[in-house]
Amino acid sequence: MKKKLYIKTYGCQMNVYDTERMVDVMAPEGYEETETPDDADLVVLNTCHIREKAAEKVYSDIGRIRKMKDAKKEKGDEMVLAVGGCVAQAEGAEIMKRAPIVDMVFGPQTYHNLPDMVNKSLELKSEGQKSRILDTDLAVDEKFDQLSKKEVKQKPTAFLTIQEGCDKFCTFCVVPYTRGSEFSRSIDDIMTDAKKLADAGVVEVTLLGQNVNAFHGTADDGSEWGLPQLIRELAKIDGFERIRYTTSHPHDMTDELLEVHGDLEECMPYLHLPVQAGSDRILKAMNRTHDSASYKKIIADLRKQRPDIALSGDFIVGFPGETEEDFEATMDLVREVKYAQAYSFKYSPRPGTPAAEMEDQVDEDVKSARLARLQALLKEQQTEFNNSVIGKTFPVLIEAKGKTEDTVFGRSPYMQAVQVKVGADKIEELLGKIVEVKIEDANAFNIQGVLV
């Protein structure tokens, strides 16, 4: 009889990838993923420490799951409750102390040990002991060695982690403390995994890393490859028609990488390149290592290589010391660059980061008002970009069934969500295919089209 595994995923694409790998490592143990925690045998909260009030949201979820865990116990069955990810890495001991209902806490570099941890937890319970397992080691190389041995499921899109960790130490960010220092996988491991994905029917692969463009993997001959060379080699693999990468840092956007966008059709015309702020004074306080002029030059050079590139970014408003003039510099940068998509947040202190100790913390009401103004501008730009493709025809990769019986869902080369109207009898044959779609309508969040 299959056991049930429920994983709630918070935050970034790296966590989405990690969740997929947890499902993979638990499958040989007889665990099958379920969409609800109600009667699950193993519940994992795969946490993220980037967003505001991250830890509080986790404790809230633990409280809800506790009732399910108690109900299962009354029936004579055991539920193992685990907290993983970056909140676990940052606050592992505190979670164990504050939430005794939690059986296991593990960091993002140790989930390859999940089967052993679960078995140990069940063993302790069977002996009438309390399960209190904590593993927050940062040995990322060991994790990758284990995960490379796993098989992959058939699907049209996939993430492929090539780099983890961060050495940039932005003053607002906890990633260097929760994911560790920058680590790049070997070329051989990446290419082996990439070929497995292609063999499984993956058409579009997204390369992942906290600073993915800082990648510097070692090949078998001892040479070192950067991200540009890796993308060029991946483009030669039969089956890969689309390649994306995220998240990039402006510091590591080299001319060679920009040229890849101009040279390779497989490299999609979309780039997520966070700037965080438009004020040079604030960027310096954030320790971002770039200023607004250098960022805008990267964008200008990129558009020379690929004029139709769609840009996405991250923005933090209300960083300590941010004045109205600083905020207007961010608004001016947004107006000049123009974004097809963007993510924007109010600054919130992260314990242990330098920014949390800075004076001149901005009032919450001011942060909220500025965020509303920025998001209104970004939504206007996103709507304008989506409207600009109405009447155009371009290739869409069909990933799943749509919201209605006669539609399918896919992504444009520019990362737009596309709902495509098709005959209900054609849906199954279109899944995983790249098809030509004419766009008929659009709004800020998705576009609609028909098969050509």
Protein backbone atom coordinates (compact mmCIF):
# COMPACT_ATOMS: atom_id res chain seq x y z
CA MET A 1 0.00 0.00 0.00
CA LYS A 2 1.34 3.42 -1.00
CA LYS A 3 2.06 5.96 1.71
CA LYS A 4 0.98 9.56 1.18
CA LEU A 5 3.39 12.50 0.94
CA TYR A 6 2.25 16.12 1.10
CA ILE A 7 4.69 19.00 0.54
CA LYS A 8 3.76 22.66 0.84
CA THR A 9 6.20 24.80 -1.14
CA TYR A 10 6.86 28.40 -0.18
CA GLY A 11 8.77 31.01 -2.18
CA CYS A 12 11.23 30.72 -5.02
CA GLN A 13 11.75 28.44 -8.03
CA MET A 14 14.66 26.82 -6.24
CA ASN A 15 12.19 25.59 -3.64
CA VAL A 16 9.91 24.27 -6.39
CA TYR A 17 12.89 22.31 -7.72
CA ASP A 18 13.77 21.08 -4.22
CA THR A 19 10.19 19.89 -3.70
CA GLU A 20 10.30 17.90 -6.93
CA ARG A 21 13.50 16.24 -5.78
CA MET A 22 11.99 15.39 -2.37
CA VAL A 23 9.15 13.64 -4.17
CA ASP A 24 11.78 11.77 -6.19
CA VAL A 25 13.83 10.61 -3.19
CA MET A 26 10.73 9.44 -1.30
CA ALA A 27 9.19 7.51 -4.21
CA PRO A 28 11.45 4.43 -3.74
CA GLU A 29 10.32 4.41 -0.10
CA GLY A 30 6.73 3.88 -1.23
CA TYR A 31 5.52 7.47 -0.87
CA GLU A 32 3.14 8.96 -3.42
CA GLU A 33 2.44 12.69 -3.59
CA THR A 34 -1.00 13.90 -2.51
CA GLU A 35 -2.64 17.32 -2.84
CA THR A 36 -3.90 17.58 0.74
CA PRO A 37 -2.23 17.09 4.13
CA ASP A 38 -5.39 15.73 5.79
CA ASP A 39 -4.44 12.06 5.82
CA ALA A 40 -0.80 12.24 4.71
CA ASP A 41 1.80 9.97 6.28
CA LEU A 42 4.55 12.52 5.71
CA VAL A 43 4.01 16.30 5.62
CA VAL A 44 6.90 18.58 4.64
CA LEU A 45 6.76 22.37 4.85
CA ASN A 46 9.45 23.48 2.37
CA THR A 47 10.01 27.01 3.61
CA CYS A 48 11.43 30.24 2.21
CA HIS A 49 13.01 33.02 4.29
CA ILE A 50 12.90 35.76 1.65
CA ARG A 51 9.32 36.94 2.02
CA GLU A 52 7.90 39.01 4.85
CA LYS A 53 6.85 37.23 8.04
CA ALA A 54 8.09 33.91 6.64
CA ALA A 55 8.54 32.19 10.00
CA GLU A 56 5.13 33.31 11.31
CA LYS A 57 3.42 31.75 8.27
CA VAL A 58 5.20 28.48 8.93
CA TYR A 59 4.08 28.38 12.57
CA SER A 60 0.53 29.14 11.46
CA ASP A 61 0.62 26.16 9.09
CA ILE A 62 2.13 23.96 11.79
CA GLY A 63 -0.84 24.83 14.01
CA ARG A 64 -3.33 23.76 11.34
CA ILE A 65 -1.49 20.52 10.58
CA ARG A 66 -1.25 19.67 14.27
CA LYS A 67 -5.00 18.97 14.33
CA MET A 68 -4.65 16.56 11.39
CA LYS A 69 -1.66 14.90 13.05
CA ASP A 70 -3.61 14.41 16.29
CA ALA A 71 -6.62 13.00 14.40
CA LYS A 72 -4.39 10.49 12.61
CA LYS A 73 -2.81 9.51 15.94
CA GLU A 74 -6.25 8.79 17.40
CA LYS A 75 -6.77 6.25 14.60
CA GLY A 76 -3.55 4.50 15.56
CA ASP A 77 -1.54 5.89 12.63
CA GLU A 78 1.51 8.14 12.54
CA MET A 79 2.03 11.37 10.62
CA VAL A 80 5.63 12.58 10.37
CA LEU A 81 5.73 16.39 10.27
CA ALA A 82 8.89 17.96 8.88
CA VAL A 83 9.99 21.54 8.30
CA GLY A 84 12.59 22.00 5.57
CA GLY A 85 14.08 24.82 3.53
CA CYS A 86 15.55 28.17 4.46
CA VAL A 87 13.48 29.00 7.55
CA ALA A 88 14.50 25.59 8.88
CA GLN A 89 18.15 26.38 8.16
CA ALA A 90 17.98 29.79 9.85
CA GLU A 91 15.79 28.91 12.82
CA GLY A 92 16.06 25.14 13.21
CA ALA A 93 16.69 24.97 16.94
CA GLU A 94 14.01 27.60 17.61
CA ILE A 95 11.44 25.60 15.60
CA MET A 96 12.22 22.46 17.60
CA LYS A 97 11.80 24.43 20.82
CA ARG A 98 8.71 26.41 19.87
CA ALA A 99 6.82 23.66 18.01
CA PRO A 100 7.32 20.28 19.74
CA ILE A 101 4.76 18.74 17.37
CA VAL A 102 7.43 18.93 14.61
CA ASP A 103 9.30 15.64 14.22
CA MET A 104 12.12 16.76 11.89
CA VAL A 105 13.81 19.98 10.83
CA PHE A 106 16.24 19.98 7.91
CA GLY A 107 17.98 22.58 5.77
CA PRO A 108 17.87 22.95 1.97
CA GLN A 109 21.18 21.11 1.49
CA THR A 110 20.17 17.97 3.39
CA TYR A 111 16.89 16.80 1.88
CA HIS A 112 18.68 13.98 0.03
CA ASN A 113 18.83 12.39 3.51
CA LEU A 114 15.04 12.61 3.87
CA PRO A 115 14.40 8.83 3.61
CA ASP A 116 16.86 8.10 6.41
CA MET A 117 15.42 10.89 8.57
CA VAL A 118 11.85 9.65 8.09
CA ASN A 119 12.80 6.06 8.88
CA LYS A 120 14.65 7.19 12.00
CA SER A 121 11.63 9.25 13.07
CA LEU A 122 9.28 6.29 12.68
CA GLU A 123 11.72 4.04 14.54
CA LEU A 124 11.84 6.45 17.48
CA LYS A 125 8.03 6.67 17.54
CA SER A 126 7.68 2.88 17.48
CA GLU A 127 9.93 2.72 20.55
CA GLY A 128 7.74 5.23 22.37
CA GLN A 129 10.34 7.99 22.08
CA LYS A 130 9.92 11.55 20.88
CA SER A 131 11.15 12.23 17.34
CA ARG A 132 13.40 15.30 17.43
CA ILE A 133 15.65 15.21 14.36
CA LEU A 134 17.62 18.29 13.31
CA ASP A 135 19.90 18.35 10.24
CA THR A 136 21.15 21.69 8.91
CA ASP A 137 24.45 20.72 7.35
CA LEU A 138 25.50 22.83 4.33
CA ALA A 139 27.28 20.09 2.33
CA VAL A 140 25.70 20.93 -1.04
CA ASP A 141 28.17 18.79 -3.02
CA GLU A 142 26.97 15.65 -1.25
CA LYS A 143 23.35 16.53 -2.04
CA PHE A 144 24.05 16.92 -5.75
CA ASP A 145 25.97 13.63 -5.83
CA GLN A 146 22.89 11.85 -4.50
CA LEU A 147 20.33 13.61 -6.69
CA SER A 148 22.19 12.96 -9.93
CA LYS A 149 21.43 9.25 -9.50
CA LYS A 150 17.67 9.77 -9.67
CA GLU A 151 15.53 9.12 -12.73
CA VAL A 152 13.21 11.82 -14.07
CA LYS A 153 9.54 11.87 -15.05
CA GLN A 154 8.29 12.56 -18.55
CA LYS A 155 7.30 16.22 -18.89
CA PRO A 156 7.74 19.15 -21.32
CA THR A 157 9.46 21.59 -18.92
CA ALA A 158 11.96 21.12 -16.11
CA PHE A 159 14.25 22.96 -13.73
CA LEU A 160 17.92 22.01 -13.59
CA THR A 161 19.93 23.37 -10.68
CA ILE A 162 23.48 24.21 -11.73
CA GLN A 163 24.54 26.51 -8.89
CA GLU A 164 23.54 27.20 -5.31
CA GLY A 165 24.46 29.64 -2.59
CA CYS A 166 25.59 33.24 -2.64
CA ASP A 167 28.77 35.20 -1.93
CA LYS A 168 27.27 38.65 -2.61
CA PHE A 169 26.01 39.37 0.93
CA CYS A 170 23.39 41.96 0.09
CA THR A 171 22.62 43.61 3.41
CA PHE A 172 18.91 42.70 3.29
CA CYS A 173 19.29 39.03 2.37
CA VAL A 174 19.59 35.79 4.35
CA VAL A 175 20.50 33.50 1.43
CA PRO A 176 24.27 33.36 2.16
CA TYR A 177 23.39 32.16 5.66
CA THR A 178 20.67 29.66 4.68
CA ARG A 179 22.05 28.26 1.39
CA GLY A 180 25.76 28.71 2.06
CA SER A 181 28.50 30.04 -0.20
CA GLU A 182 28.40 29.81 -3.99
CA PHE A 183 28.81 26.28 -5.28
CA SER A 184 28.76 25.26 -8.95
CA ARG A 185 28.06 21.69 -10.08
CA SER A 186 30.50 19.87 -12.31
CA ILE A 187 29.92 19.99 -16.07
CA ASP A 188 29.72 16.20 -16.28
CA ASP A 189 26.93 16.02 -13.66
CA ILE A 190 24.95 18.79 -15.33
CA MET A 191 25.24 17.29 -18.80
CA THR A 192 24.28 13.85 -17.49
CA ASP A 193 21.17 15.27 -15.84
CA ALA A 194 20.39 17.39 -18.91
CA LYS A 195 20.45 14.35 -21.21
CA LYS A 196 18.15 12.48 -18.81
CA LEU A 197 15.70 15.39 -19.03
CA ALA A 198 15.86 15.46 -22.83
CA ASP A 199 15.31 11.69 -22.97
CA ALA A 200 12.25 12.17 -20.74
CA GLY A 201 10.71 14.57 -23.25
CA VAL A 202 11.75 17.91 -21.75
CA VAL A 203 11.54 20.62 -24.40
CA GLU A 204 12.28 23.63 -22.20
CA VAL A 205 14.88 23.60 -19.44
CA THR A 206 15.38 26.39 -16.89
CA LEU A 207 18.81 26.57 -15.28
CA LEU A 208 18.56 27.50 -11.60
CA GLY A 209 20.90 29.16 -9.15
CA GLN A 210 20.81 31.83 -6.46
CA ASN A 211 23.39 33.58 -8.68
CA VAL A 212 23.05 31.44 -11.77
CA ASN A 213 25.24 33.65 -13.97
CA ALA A 214 28.09 33.32 -11.45
CA PHE A 215 28.28 29.65 -12.46
CA HIS A 216 31.81 28.30 -12.99
CA GLY A 217 31.70 24.54 -13.32
CA THR A 218 34.70 22.29 -13.81
CA ALA A 219 34.86 19.95 -16.83
CA ASP A 220 36.53 16.52 -16.90
CA ASP A 221 39.64 17.98 -18.55
CA GLY A 222 40.07 20.46 -15.69
CA SER A 223 38.87 23.47 -17.66
CA GLU A 224 36.33 25.83 -16.15
CA TRP A 225 33.12 26.75 -17.93
CA GLY A 226 30.99 29.79 -17.34
CA LEU A 227 27.27 30.01 -17.99
CA PRO A 228 27.69 31.12 -21.64
CA GLN A 229 29.67 28.02 -22.62
CA LEU A 230 27.28 25.77 -20.69
CA ILE A 231 24.22 27.19 -22.48
CA ARG A 232 25.90 26.74 -25.87
CA GLU A 233 26.59 23.08 -25.10
CA LEU A 234 23.10 22.45 -23.74
CA ALA A 235 21.64 23.91 -26.93
CA LYS A 236 23.30 21.06 -28.87
CA ILE A 237 21.31 18.39 -27.00
CA ASP A 238 18.60 16.86 -29.18
CA GLY A 239 15.20 17.73 -27.76
CA PHE A 240 16.06 21.00 -26.03
CA GLU A 241 14.35 23.75 -27.98
CA ARG A 242 14.17 26.33 -25.22
CA ILE A 243 16.69 27.34 -22.54
CA ARG A 244 16.10 29.84 -19.74
CA TYR A 245 18.10 30.72 -16.63
CA THR A 246 17.33 32.43 -13.33
CA THR A 247 18.15 34.26 -11.08
CA SER A 248 20.92 36.50 -12.38
CA HIS A 249 22.94 39.22 -10.66
CA PRO A 250 23.97 42.33 -12.63
CA HIS A 251 27.53 41.87 -11.35
CA ASP A 252 27.92 38.69 -13.41
CA MET A 253 26.23 39.73 -16.67
CA THR A 254 29.26 39.43 -18.97
CA ASP A 255 29.49 40.47 -22.62
CA GLU A 256 29.88 36.79 -23.50
CA LEU A 257 26.58 35.97 -21.83
CA LEU A 258 24.84 38.84 -23.61
CA GLU A 259 26.13 37.49 -26.92
CA VAL A 260 24.49 34.11 -26.22
CA HIS A 261 21.12 35.86 -26.32
CA GLY A 262 21.92 37.19 -29.77
CA ASP A 263 23.46 33.98 -31.14
CA LEU A 264 21.18 31.17 -29.95
CA GLU A 265 17.53 30.73 -30.88
CA GLU A 266 17.26 28.25 -28.01
CA CYS A 267 18.08 30.99 -25.49
CA MET A 268 14.68 32.52 -24.86
CA PRO A 269 14.16 36.29 -25.23
CA TYR A 270 13.41 36.76 -21.54
CA LEU A 271 15.65 37.72 -18.63
CA HIS A 272 14.95 38.13 -14.94
CA LEU A 273 17.59 40.60 -13.72
CA PRO A 274 16.87 42.11 -10.29
CA VAL A 275 18.02 45.67 -9.71
CA GLN A 276 16.22 46.17 -6.33
CA ALA A 277 16.36 49.99 -6.41
CA GLY A 278 17.08 52.92 -8.71
CA SER A 279 18.91 55.08 -6.18
CA ASP A 280 22.69 54.68 -6.17
CA ARG A 281 22.78 55.66 -2.51
CA ILE A 282 20.36 52.87 -1.61
CA LEU A 283 22.09 50.36 -3.90
CA LYS A 284 25.34 51.06 -2.06
CA ALA A 285 23.62 50.60 1.31
CA MET A 286 22.25 47.30 -0.02
CA ASN A 287 25.80 46.23 -1.04
CA ARG A 288 24.52 45.48 -4.54
CA THR A 289 27.93 46.10 -6.29
CA HIS A 290 26.24 47.84 -9.24
CA ASP A 291 24.75 51.29 -9.73
CA SER A 292 21.82 52.42 -11.82
CA ALA A 293 24.02 53.48 -14.75
CA SER A 294 25.80 50.11 -15.01
CA TYR A 295 22.47 48.29 -14.77
CA LYS A 296 20.95 50.37 -17.55
CA LYS A 297 24.04 49.81 -19.71
CA ILE A 298 23.57 46.03 -19.35
CA ILE A 299 19.98 46.41 -20.51
CA ALA A 300 20.98 48.60 -23.47
CA ASP A 301 23.72 46.14 -24.53
CA LEU A 302 21.31 43.23 -24.16
CA ARG A 303 18.73 44.93 -26.35
CA LYS A 304 21.36 45.42 -29.03
CA GLN A 305 21.89 41.64 -29.02
CA ARG A 306 18.18 40.79 -28.78
CA PRO A 307 15.88 43.76 -29.52
CA ASP A 308 12.73 41.84 -28.57
CA ILE A 309 14.00 40.80 -25.12
CA ALA A 310 11.37 40.85 -22.34
CA LEU A 311 12.67 41.94 -18.96
CA SER A 312 11.67 41.05 -15.44
CA GLY A 313 13.04 42.44 -12.19
CA ASP A 314 12.85 42.56 -8.39
CA PHE A 315 12.29 45.72 -6.38
CA ILE A 316 12.44 46.50 -2.67
CA VAL A 317 10.77 49.68 -1.46
CA GLY A 318 11.28 51.29 1.90
CA PHE A 319 14.82 50.07 2.49
CA PRO A 320 16.29 51.74 5.61
CA GLY A 321 17.07 55.38 4.89
CA GLU A 322 15.10 55.51 1.63
CA THR A 323 13.88 59.06 1.01
CA GLU A 324 11.19 60.20 -1.39
CA GLU A 325 13.97 61.24 -3.77
CA ASP A 326 15.49 57.74 -3.58
CA PHE A 327 12.11 56.18 -4.32
CA GLU A 328 11.54 58.50 -7.29
CA ALA A 329 14.90 57.31 -8.67
CA THR A 330 13.46 53.78 -8.65
CA MET A 331 10.33 54.97 -10.44
CA ASP A 332 12.48 56.77 -13.03
CA LEU A 333 14.53 53.62 -13.65
CA VAL A 334 11.36 51.57 -14.15
CA ARG A 335 10.00 54.14 -16.61
CA GLU A 336 13.25 54.07 -18.59
CA VAL A 337 13.87 50.31 -18.65
CA LYS A 338 10.23 49.13 -19.04
CA TYR A 339 9.45 45.70 -17.62
CA ALA A 340 7.29 42.93 -19.02
CA GLN A 341 7.03 41.40 -15.54
CA ALA A 342 8.32 42.31 -12.10
CA TYR A 343 8.20 41.38 -8.43
CA SER A 344 8.07 44.13 -5.81
CA PHE A 345 7.99 44.04 -2.02
CA LYS A 346 8.16 46.22 1.03
CA TYR A 347 11.46 45.90 2.88
CA SER A 348 11.14 43.76 5.99
CA PRO A 349 14.03 43.10 8.39
CA ARG A 350 15.62 39.65 8.45
CA PRO A 351 17.26 38.75 11.77
CA GLY A 352 21.02 38.53 11.46
CA THR A 353 21.29 40.72 8.35
CA PRO A 354 23.09 44.10 8.48
CA ALA A 355 20.05 46.01 7.21
CA ALA A 356 17.99 44.85 10.17
CA GLU A 357 20.33 46.81 12.46
CA MET A 358 20.35 49.98 10.35
CA GLU A 359 18.91 53.20 11.66
CA ASP A 360 16.28 55.18 9.75
CA GLN A 361 13.86 52.29 9.29
CA VAL A 362 11.06 53.56 7.04
CA ASP A 363 7.54 53.85 8.44
CA GLU A 364 5.18 51.04 7.34
CA ASP A 365 2.57 53.47 6.01
CA VAL A 366 5.19 55.14 3.83
CA LYS A 367 6.41 51.76 2.54
CA SER A 368 2.86 50.70 1.71
CA ALA A 369 2.11 53.91 -0.16
CA ARG A 370 5.32 53.70 -2.18
CA LEU A 371 4.77 50.03 -3.00
CA ALA A 372 1.26 50.81 -4.28
CA ARG A 373 2.64 53.49 -6.59
CA LEU A 374 5.40 51.23 -7.89
CA GLN A 375 3.08 48.28 -8.44
CA ALA A 376 0.61 50.47 -10.33
CA LEU A 377 3.40 51.51 -12.71
CA LEU A 378 4.66 47.93 -13.11
CA LYS A 379 1.15 46.64 -13.80
CA GLU A 380 0.69 49.36 -16.41
CA GLN A 381 3.91 48.28 -18.13
CA GLN A 382 3.00 44.58 -17.96
CA THR A 383 -0.40 45.31 -19.48
CA GLU A 384 1.21 47.41 -22.20
CA PHE A 385 3.67 44.62 -23.03
CA ASN A 386 0.96 41.98 -23.19
CA ASN A 387 -1.26 44.20 -25.33
CA SER A 388 1.65 44.74 -27.73
CA VAL A 389 1.49 41.10 -28.86
CA ILE A 390 -2.21 41.16 -29.84
CA GLY A 391 -2.46 40.22 -33.50
CA LYS A 392 0.99 38.62 -33.53
CA THR A 393 1.76 34.94 -34.05
CA PHE A 394 4.52 33.16 -32.14
CA PRO A 395 5.43 29.69 -30.82
CA VAL A 396 3.86 28.60 -27.54
CA LEU A 397 4.96 25.54 -25.57
CA ILE A 398 1.82 23.75 -24.37
CA GLU A 399 2.38 22.61 -20.79
CA ALA A 400 -1.03 21.61 -19.45
CA LYS A 401 -4.78 21.56 -19.90
CA GLY A 402 -6.39 24.97 -19.64
CA LYS A 403 -9.06 26.39 -17.36
CA THR A 404 -11.89 25.18 -19.60
CA GLU A 405 -12.51 21.97 -21.52
CA ASP A 406 -11.55 23.54 -24.85
CA THR A 407 -8.32 25.32 -23.84
CA VAL A 408 -4.69 24.47 -23.14
CA PHE A 409 -2.11 26.44 -21.17
CA GLY A 410 1.38 27.33 -22.35
CA ARG A 411 4.21 29.85 -22.25
CA SER A 412 5.30 32.26 -24.94
CA PRO A 413 9.00 32.82 -25.64
CA TYR A 414 8.62 35.92 -23.43
CA MET A 415 7.41 33.87 -20.43
CA GLN A 416 3.83 35.05 -20.79
CA ALA A 417 1.03 32.75 -19.63
CA VAL A 418 -1.04 31.87 -22.70
CA GLN A 419 -4.50 30.31 -22.80
CA VAL A 420 -5.04 28.72 -26.23
CA LYS A 421 -8.48 27.80 -27.52
CA VAL A 422 -8.47 24.40 -29.23
CA GLY A 423 -10.91 21.61 -29.90
CA ALA A 424 -11.41 19.36 -26.89
CA ASP A 425 -10.35 16.39 -29.01
CA LYS A 426 -6.93 17.95 -29.69
CA ILE A 427 -5.84 18.66 -26.14
CA GLU A 428 -3.95 15.45 -25.41
CA GLU A 429 -1.99 15.51 -28.67
CA LEU A 430 -0.88 19.12 -28.07
CA LEU A 431 0.57 18.61 -24.58
CA GLY A 432 4.35 19.01 -24.67
CA LYS A 433 4.33 20.44 -28.21
CA ILE A 434 5.42 23.85 -29.46
CA VAL A 435 2.64 25.26 -31.65
CA GLU A 436 2.06 28.51 -33.53
CA VAL A 437 -0.53 30.66 -31.79
CA LYS A 438 -2.15 33.91 -32.92
CA ILE A 439 -2.86 36.23 -30.00
CA GLU A 440 -6.37 37.67 -29.92
CA ASP A 441 -6.72 39.23 -26.47
CA ALA A 442 -4.62 40.15 -23.43
CA ASN A 443 -4.64 41.60 -19.94
CA ALA A 444 -2.01 42.23 -17.28
CA PHE A 445 -1.64 38.59 -16.28
CA ASN A 446 -2.27 36.38 -19.30
CA ILE A 447 -2.99 36.37 -23.00
CA GLN A 448 -5.42 34.41 -25.13
CA GLY A 449 -4.98 33.04 -28.60
CA VAL A 450 -5.94 30.42 -31.16
CA LEU A 451 -3.99 27.80 -33.09
CA VAL A 452 -2.79 28.94 -36.48
